[in-house]
Amino acid sequence: MSWFSIAGIKEEIRKIQWPSRKDMVRNTTIVITFVLFFVAYFLLTEVVLVWALRLLGIGG
């Protein structure tokens, strides 16, 4: 295990390709969009289910 040494670790760190600022902004935008979509989806689902349960006389 040559990578399991300080020199090996430094070499592996040099091989990392960090994303550009443009890529980071794009990926962050995609993640935030998906999170907001799922928040809206689950809130809407909860509202509909609560409404349906109240209509059936089960909800409080």
Protein backbone atom coordinates (compact mmCIF):
# COMPACT_ATOMS: atom_id res chain seq x y z
CA MET A 1 0.00 0.00 0.00
CA SER A 2 2.22 2.78 -1.27
CA TRP A 3 -0.57 5.34 -0.99
CA PHE A 4 -0.78 4.69 2.74
CA SER A 5 2.05 7.08 3.55
CA ILE A 6 2.40 10.83 3.73
CA ALA A 7 4.01 10.97 0.28
CA GLY A 8 1.32 8.71 -1.18
CA ILE A 9 -1.47 10.77 0.35
CA LYS A 10 0.05 14.00 -0.99
CA GLU A 11 0.26 12.47 -4.45
CA GLU A 12 -3.37 11.35 -4.34
CA ILE A 13 -4.47 14.82 -3.21
CA ARG A 14 -2.64 16.34 -6.21
CA LYS A 15 -4.68 14.06 -8.51
CA ILE A 16 -7.99 15.52 -7.32
CA GLN A 17 -9.74 17.57 -10.00
CA TRP A 18 -11.67 20.26 -8.20
CA PRO A 19 -14.79 21.60 -9.95
CA SER A 20 -14.71 25.07 -11.46
CA ARG A 21 -16.78 27.90 -10.03
CA LYS A 22 -19.20 27.58 -12.97
CA ASP A 23 -19.71 23.86 -12.26
CA MET A 24 -20.23 24.51 -8.55
CA VAL A 25 -22.85 27.19 -9.23
CA ARG A 26 -24.67 24.94 -11.72
CA ASN A 27 -24.62 21.91 -9.40
CA THR A 28 -25.72 23.97 -6.40
CA THR A 29 -28.60 25.43 -8.43
CA ILE A 30 -29.70 21.94 -9.47
CA VAL A 31 -29.62 20.68 -5.87
CA ILE A 32 -31.56 23.67 -4.51
CA THR A 33 -34.13 23.31 -7.31
CA PHE A 34 -34.68 19.63 -6.52
CA VAL A 35 -34.95 20.33 -2.79
CA LEU A 36 -37.54 23.08 -3.37
CA PHE A 37 -39.48 20.81 -5.75
CA PHE A 38 -39.66 18.03 -3.17
CA VAL A 39 -40.60 20.46 -0.39
CA ALA A 40 -43.49 21.71 -2.53
CA TYR A 41 -44.48 18.16 -3.47
CA PHE A 42 -44.58 16.89 0.12
CA LEU A 43 -46.38 19.99 1.41
CA LEU A 44 -49.01 19.66 -1.31
CA THR A 45 -49.37 15.95 -0.59
CA GLU A 46 -49.84 16.65 3.12
CA VAL A 47 -52.46 19.34 2.45
CA VAL A 48 -54.41 17.03 0.13
CA LEU A 49 -54.25 14.11 2.58
CA VAL A 50 -55.35 16.26 5.52
CA TRP A 51 -58.22 17.64 3.44
CA ALA A 52 -59.27 14.12 2.37
CA LEU A 53 -59.12 12.79 5.95
CA ARG A 54 -61.17 15.72 7.26
CA LEU A 55 -63.69 15.11 4.49
CA LEU A 56 -63.99 11.52 5.73
CA GLY A 57 -64.33 12.71 9.32
CA ILE A 58 -61.06 11.15 10.46
CA GLY A 59 -58.85 14.24 10.74
CA GLY A 60 -58.89 16.74 13.55
